[in-house]
């Protein structure tokens, strides 16, 4: 069973993830909120997890035994 996405779809997902991340950082990221941190650190961790999921084809929510 070979259901891996192609290269073009992965690039499109990374492009869209980048645009959403930039928009969220402008709205809620570093510099907004208490102590100048805001939600920037949380957004960065989520972004890195999603980027790793796209790059390595990992499904973090698929649990099988």
PDB file of N, CA and C in Angstrom:
ATOM      1  N   UNK A   1       0.845  -1.166   0.000  1.00  0.00           N
ATOM      2  CA  UNK A   1       0.000   0.000   0.000  1.00  0.00           C
ATOM      3  C   UNK A   1       0.901   1.242   0.000  1.00  0.00           C
ATOM      4  N   UNK A   2       0.891   1.983  -1.086  1.00  0.00           N
ATOM      5  CA  UNK A   2       1.720   3.168  -1.236  1.00  0.00           C
ATOM      6  C   UNK A   2       0.803   4.370  -1.392  1.00  0.00           C
ATOM      7  N   UNK A   3       0.486   5.015  -0.277  1.00  0.00           N
ATOM      8  CA  UNK A   3      -0.429   6.156  -0.332  1.00  0.00           C
ATOM      9  C   UNK A   3       0.268   7.453   0.072  1.00  0.00           C
ATOM     10  N   UNK A   4       1.560   7.556  -0.227  1.00  0.00           N
ATOM     11  CA  UNK A   4       2.302   8.769   0.097  1.00  0.00           C
ATOM     12  C   UNK A   4       1.947   9.866  -0.897  1.00  0.00           C
ATOM     13  N   UNK A   5       1.841  11.119  -0.413  1.00  0.00           N
ATOM     14  CA  UNK A   5       1.549  12.217  -1.324  1.00  0.00           C
ATOM     15  C   UNK A   5       2.762  12.540  -2.184  1.00  0.00           C
ATOM     16  N   UNK A   6       2.534  13.183  -3.293  1.00  0.00           N
ATOM     17  CA  UNK A   6       3.617  13.559  -4.179  1.00  0.00           C
ATOM     18  C   UNK A   6       4.368  14.779  -3.678  1.00  0.00           C
ATOM     19  N   UNK A   7       5.411  15.125  -4.396  1.00  0.00           N
ATOM     20  CA  UNK A   7       6.264  16.245  -4.013  1.00  0.00           C
ATOM     21  C   UNK A   7       5.515  17.571  -4.104  1.00  0.00           C
ATOM     22  N   UNK A   8       4.725  17.738  -5.150  1.00  0.00           N
ATOM     23  CA  UNK A   8       4.025  19.004  -5.353  1.00  0.00           C
ATOM     24  C   UNK A   8       3.003  19.267  -4.248  1.00  0.00           C
ATOM     25  N   UNK A   9       2.318  18.244  -3.811  1.00  0.00           N
ATOM     26  CA  UNK A   9       1.343  18.449  -2.734  1.00  0.00           C
ATOM     27  C   UNK A   9       2.041  18.776  -1.421  1.00  0.00           C
ATOM     28  N   UNK A  10       3.196  18.184  -1.177  1.00  0.00           N
ATOM     29  CA  UNK A  10       3.970  18.501   0.021  1.00  0.00           C
ATOM     30  C   UNK A  10       4.453  19.941   0.008  1.00  0.00           C
ATOM     31  N   UNK A  11       4.915  20.410  -1.159  1.00  0.00           N
ATOM     32  CA  UNK A  11       5.350  21.801  -1.274  1.00  0.00           C
ATOM     33  C   UNK A  11       4.184  22.759  -1.080  1.00  0.00           C
ATOM     34  N   UNK A  12       3.024  22.416  -1.611  1.00  0.00           N
ATOM     35  CA  UNK A  12       1.839  23.242  -1.433  1.00  0.00           C
ATOM     36  C   UNK A  12       1.428  23.298   0.038  1.00  0.00           C
ATOM     37  N   UNK A  13       1.475  22.171   0.722  1.00  0.00           N
ATOM     38  CA  UNK A  13       1.144  22.144   2.149  1.00  0.00           C
ATOM     39  C   UNK A  13       2.121  23.002   2.945  1.00  0.00           C
ATOM     40  N   UNK A  14       3.428  22.922   2.627  1.00  0.00           N
ATOM     41  CA  UNK A  14       4.408  23.736   3.333  1.00  0.00           C
ATOM     42  C   UNK A  14       4.210  25.225   3.047  1.00  0.00           C
ATOM     43  N   UNK A  15       3.861  25.564   1.817  1.00  0.00           N
ATOM     44  CA  UNK A  15       3.595  26.958   1.461  1.00  0.00           C
ATOM     45  C   UNK A  15       2.403  27.496   2.244  1.00  0.00           C
ATOM     46  N   UNK A  16       1.319  26.728   2.269  1.00  0.00           N
ATOM     47  CA  UNK A  16       0.127  27.162   3.001  1.00  0.00           C
ATOM     48  C   UNK A  16       0.393  27.229   4.504  1.00  0.00           C
ATOM     49  N   UNK A  17       1.149  26.280   5.031  1.00  0.00           N
ATOM     50  CA  UNK A  17       1.506  26.297   6.446  1.00  0.00           C
ATOM     51  C   UNK A  17       2.321  27.537   6.776  1.00  0.00           C
ATOM     52  N   UNK A  18       3.224  27.927   5.896  1.00  0.00           N
ATOM     53  CA  UNK A  18       4.031  29.129   6.093  1.00  0.00           C
ATOM     54  C   UNK A  18       3.157  30.377   6.118  1.00  0.00           C
ATOM     55  N   UNK A  19       2.203  30.477   5.198  1.00  0.00           N
ATOM     56  CA  UNK A  19       1.319  31.648   5.149  1.00  0.00           C
ATOM     57  C   UNK A  19       0.435  31.727   6.389  1.00  0.00           C
ATOM     58  N   UNK A  20      -0.104  30.594   6.832  1.00  0.00           N
ATOM     59  CA  UNK A  20      -0.938  30.576   8.034  1.00  0.00           C
ATOM     60  C   UNK A  20      -0.089  30.929   9.259  1.00  0.00           C
ATOM     61  N   UNK A  21       1.130  30.390   9.328  1.00  0.00           N
ATOM     62  CA  UNK A  21       2.026  30.676  10.448  1.00  0.00           C
ATOM     63  C   UNK A  21       2.366  32.161  10.504  1.00  0.00           C
ATOM     64  N   UNK A  22       2.681  32.769   9.349  1.00  0.00           N
ATOM     65  CA  UNK A  22       2.989  34.201   9.322  1.00  0.00           C
ATOM     66  C   UNK A  22       1.802  35.033   9.782  1.00  0.00           C
ATOM     67  N   UNK A  23       0.606  34.681   9.329  1.00  0.00           N
ATOM     68  CA  UNK A  23      -0.593  35.418   9.732  1.00  0.00           C
ATOM     69  C   UNK A  23      -0.834  35.286  11.236  1.00  0.00           C
ATOM     70  N   UNK A  24      -0.700  34.068  11.756  1.00  0.00           N
ATOM     71  CA  UNK A  24      -0.907  33.855  13.185  1.00  0.00           C
ATOM     72  C   UNK A  24       0.155  34.575  14.015  1.00  0.00           C
ATOM     73  N   UNK A  25       1.401  34.595  13.552  1.00  0.00           N
ATOM     74  CA  UNK A  25       2.457  35.291  14.284  1.00  0.00           C
ATOM     75  C   UNK A  25       2.194  36.795  14.300  1.00  0.00           C
ATOM     76  N   UNK A  26       1.673  37.344  13.191  1.00  0.00           N
ATOM     77  CA  UNK A  26       1.347  38.767  13.165  1.00  0.00           C
ATOM     78  C   UNK A  26       0.231  39.096  14.142  1.00  0.00           C
ATOM     79  N   UNK A  27      -0.748  38.216  14.244  1.00  0.00           N
ATOM     80  CA  UNK A  27      -1.900  38.453  15.114  1.00  0.00           C
ATOM     81  C   UNK A  27      -1.626  38.145  16.580  1.00  0.00           C
ATOM     82  N   UNK A  28      -1.041  36.984  16.858  1.00  0.00           N
ATOM     83  CA  UNK A  28      -0.951  36.490  18.227  1.00  0.00           C
ATOM     84  C   UNK A  28       0.464  36.175  18.681  1.00  0.00           C
ATOM     85  N   UNK A  29       1.455  36.365  17.838  1.00  0.00           N
ATOM     86  CA  UNK A  29       2.801  35.875  18.115  1.00  0.00           C
ATOM     87  C   UNK A  29       3.615  36.737  19.050  1.00  0.00           C
ATOM     88  N   UNK A  30       4.922  36.673  18.879  1.00  0.00           N
ATOM     89  CA  UNK A  30       5.869  37.383  19.736  1.00  0.00           C
ATOM     90  C   UNK A  30       5.566  38.878  19.701  1.00  0.00           C
ATOM     91  N   UNK A  31       5.672  39.523  20.857  1.00  0.00           N
ATOM     92  CA  UNK A  31       5.417  40.951  20.961  1.00  0.00           C
ATOM     93  C   UNK A  31       4.002  41.274  21.379  1.00  0.00           C
ATOM     94  N   UNK A  32       3.121  40.322  21.324  1.00  0.00           N
ATOM     95  CA  UNK A  32       1.734  40.511  21.751  1.00  0.00           C
ATOM     96  C   UNK A  32       1.517  39.714  23.026  1.00  0.00           C
ATOM     97  N   UNK A  33       0.819  40.273  23.951  1.00  0.00           N
ATOM     98  CA  UNK A  33       0.522  39.550  25.180  1.00  0.00           C
ATOM     99  C   UNK A  33       1.442  39.934  26.314  1.00  0.00           C
ATOM    100  N   UNK A  34       1.388  39.181  27.388  1.00  0.00           N
ATOM    101  CA  UNK A  34       2.171  39.517  28.579  1.00  0.00           C
ATOM    102  C   UNK A  34       3.640  39.173  28.392  1.00  0.00           C
ATOM    103  N   UNK A  35       4.492  39.986  28.905  1.00  0.00           N
ATOM    104  CA  UNK A  35       5.947  39.828  28.881  1.00  0.00           C
ATOM    105  C   UNK A  35       6.522  39.756  27.468  1.00  0.00           C
ATOM    106  N   UNK A  36       5.806  40.232  26.472  1.00  0.00           N
ATOM    107  CA  UNK A  36       6.318  40.295  25.113  1.00  0.00           C
ATOM    108  C   UNK A  36       6.415  38.970  24.395  1.00  0.00           C
ATOM    109  N   UNK A  37       5.970  37.900  25.023  1.00  0.00           N
ATOM    110  CA  UNK A  37       6.097  36.580  24.411  1.00  0.00           C
ATOM    111  C   UNK A  37       4.832  36.200  23.666  1.00  0.00           C
ATOM    112  N   UNK A  38       3.674  36.472  24.255  1.00  0.00           N
ATOM    113  CA  UNK A  38       2.424  36.097  23.618  1.00  0.00           C
ATOM    114  C   UNK A  38       2.344  34.606  23.401  1.00  0.00           C
ATOM    115  N   UNK A  39       1.768  34.223  22.315  1.00  0.00           N
ATOM    116  CA  UNK A  39       1.629  32.808  21.979  1.00  0.00           C
ATOM    117  C   UNK A  39       2.686  32.366  20.974  1.00  0.00           C
ATOM    118  N   UNK A  40       3.730  33.170  20.795  1.00  0.00           N
ATOM    119  CA  UNK A  40       4.738  32.870  19.782  1.00  0.00           C
ATOM    120  C   UNK A  40       5.415  31.541  19.972  1.00  0.00           C
ATOM    121  N   UNK A  41       5.763  31.208  21.203  1.00  0.00           N
ATOM    122  CA  UNK A  41       6.436  29.940  21.470  1.00  0.00           C
ATOM    123  C   UNK A  41       5.519  28.756  21.185  1.00  0.00           C
ATOM    124  N   UNK A  42       4.268  28.870  21.595  1.00  0.00           N
ATOM    125  CA  UNK A  42       3.303  27.795  21.336  1.00  0.00           C
ATOM    126  C   UNK A  42       3.087  27.615  19.838  1.00  0.00           C
ATOM    127  N   UNK A  43       2.947  28.733  19.113  1.00  0.00           N
ATOM    128  CA  UNK A  43       2.764  28.653  17.662  1.00  0.00           C
ATOM    129  C   UNK A  43       3.987  28.051  16.975  1.00  0.00           C
ATOM    130  N   UNK A  44       5.183  28.373  17.463  1.00  0.00           N
ATOM    131  CA  UNK A  44       6.398  27.832  16.873  1.00  0.00           C
ATOM    132  C   UNK A  44       6.479  26.319  17.065  1.00  0.00           C
ATOM    133  N   UNK A  45       6.132  25.846  18.248  1.00  0.00           N
ATOM    134  CA  UNK A  45       6.161  24.401  18.518  1.00  0.00           C
ATOM    135  C   UNK A  45       5.140  23.678  17.637  1.00  0.00           C
ATOM    136  N   UNK A  46       3.948  24.239  17.516  1.00  0.00           N
ATOM    137  CA  UNK A  46       2.924  23.637  16.657  1.00  0.00           C
ATOM    138  C   UNK A  46       3.377  23.640  15.205  1.00  0.00           C
ATOM    139  N   UNK A  47       3.959  24.755  14.755  1.00  0.00           N
ATOM    140  CA  UNK A  47       4.460  24.853  13.385  1.00  0.00           C
ATOM    141  C   UNK A  47       5.528  23.806  13.106  1.00  0.00           C
ATOM    142  N   UNK A  48       6.474  23.637  14.030  1.00  0.00           N
ATOM    143  CA  UNK A  48       7.529  22.645  13.823  1.00  0.00           C
ATOM    144  C   UNK A  48       6.973  21.229  13.772  1.00  0.00           C
ATOM    145  N   UNK A  49       5.974  20.939  14.605  1.00  0.00           N
ATOM    146  CA  UNK A  49       5.347  19.624  14.571  1.00  0.00           C
ATOM    147  C   UNK A  49       4.628  19.360  13.259  1.00  0.00           C
ATOM    148  N   UNK A  50       3.897  20.350  12.772  1.00  0.00           N
ATOM    149  CA  UNK A  50       3.187  20.188  11.495  1.00  0.00           C
ATOM    150  C   UNK A  50       4.165  20.100  10.320  1.00  0.00           C
ATOM    151  N   UNK A  51       5.229  20.896  10.353  1.00  0.00           N
ATOM    152  CA  UNK A  51       6.230  20.835   9.279  1.00  0.00           C
ATOM    153  C   UNK A  51       6.921  19.470   9.259  1.00  0.00           C
ATOM    154  N   UNK A  52       7.251  18.943  10.424  1.00  0.00           N
ATOM    155  CA  UNK A  52       7.857  17.608  10.486  1.00  0.00           C
ATOM    156  C   UNK A  52       6.884  16.551   9.983  1.00  0.00           C
ATOM    157  N   UNK A  53       5.617  16.723  10.286  1.00  0.00           N
ATOM    158  CA  UNK A  53       4.595  15.790   9.815  1.00  0.00           C
ATOM    159  C   UNK A  53       4.516  15.796   8.295  1.00  0.00           C
ATOM    160  N   UNK A  54       4.601  16.977   7.697  1.00  0.00           N
ATOM    161  CA  UNK A  54       4.544  17.080   6.235  1.00  0.00           C
ATOM    162  C   UNK A  54       5.816  16.525   5.607  1.00  0.00           C
ATOM    163  N   UNK A  55       6.971  16.898   6.148  1.00  0.00           N
ATOM    164  CA  UNK A  55       8.242  16.483   5.549  1.00  0.00           C
ATOM    165  C   UNK A  55       8.493  14.986   5.658  1.00  0.00           C
ATOM    166  N   UNK A  56       8.163  14.396   6.795  1.00  0.00           N
ATOM    167  CA  UNK A  56       8.475  12.986   7.020  1.00  0.00           C
ATOM    168  C   UNK A  56       7.279  12.065   6.844  1.00  0.00           C
ATOM    169  N   UNK A  57       6.104  12.600   6.531  1.00  0.00           N
ATOM    170  CA  UNK A  57       4.921  11.774   6.308  1.00  0.00           C
ATOM    171  C   UNK A  57       4.412  11.101   7.561  1.00  0.00           C
ATOM    172  N   UNK A  58       4.608  11.756   8.702  1.00  0.00           N
ATOM    173  CA  UNK A  58       4.196  11.188   9.979  1.00  0.00           C
ATOM    174  C   UNK A  58       2.761  11.571  10.282  1.00  0.00           C
ATOM    175  N   UNK A  59       1.974  10.606  10.697  1.00  0.00           N
ATOM    176  CA  UNK A  59       0.613  10.878  11.146  1.00  0.00           C
ATOM    177  C   UNK A  59       0.603  10.708  12.654  1.00  0.00           C
ATOM    178  N   UNK A  60       0.608  11.818  13.381  1.00  0.00           N
ATOM    179  CA  UNK A  60       0.717  11.793  14.834  1.00  0.00           C
ATOM    180  C   UNK A  60      -0.539  11.251  15.498  1.00  0.00           C
ATOM    181  N   UNK A  61      -1.670  11.224  14.783  1.00  0.00           N
ATOM    182  CA  UNK A  61      -2.932  10.811  15.380  1.00  0.00           C
ATOM    183  C   UNK A  61      -3.334   9.391  15.024  1.00  0.00           C
ATOM    184  N   UNK A  62      -2.544   8.709  14.220  1.00  0.00           N
ATOM    185  CA  UNK A  62      -2.853   7.338  13.835  1.00  0.00           C
ATOM    186  C   UNK A  62      -2.236   6.389  14.866  1.00  0.00           C
ATOM    187  N   UNK A  63      -3.080   5.687  15.580  1.00  0.00           N
ATOM    188  CA  UNK A  63      -2.610   4.749  16.596  1.00  0.00           C
ATOM    189  C   UNK A  63      -3.040   3.355  16.181  1.00  0.00           C
ATOM    190  N   UNK A  64      -2.073   2.461  16.029  1.00  0.00           N
ATOM    191  CA  UNK A  64      -2.410   1.078  15.661  1.00  0.00           C
ATOM    192  C   UNK A  64      -1.501   0.126  16.426  1.00  0.00           C
ATOM    193  N   UNK A  65      -2.012  -1.034  16.663  1.00  0.00           N
ATOM    194  CA  UNK A  65      -1.263  -2.056  17.381  1.00  0.00           C
ATOM    195  C   UNK A  65      -1.124  -3.281  16.523  1.00  0.00           C
TER     196      UNK A  65
END
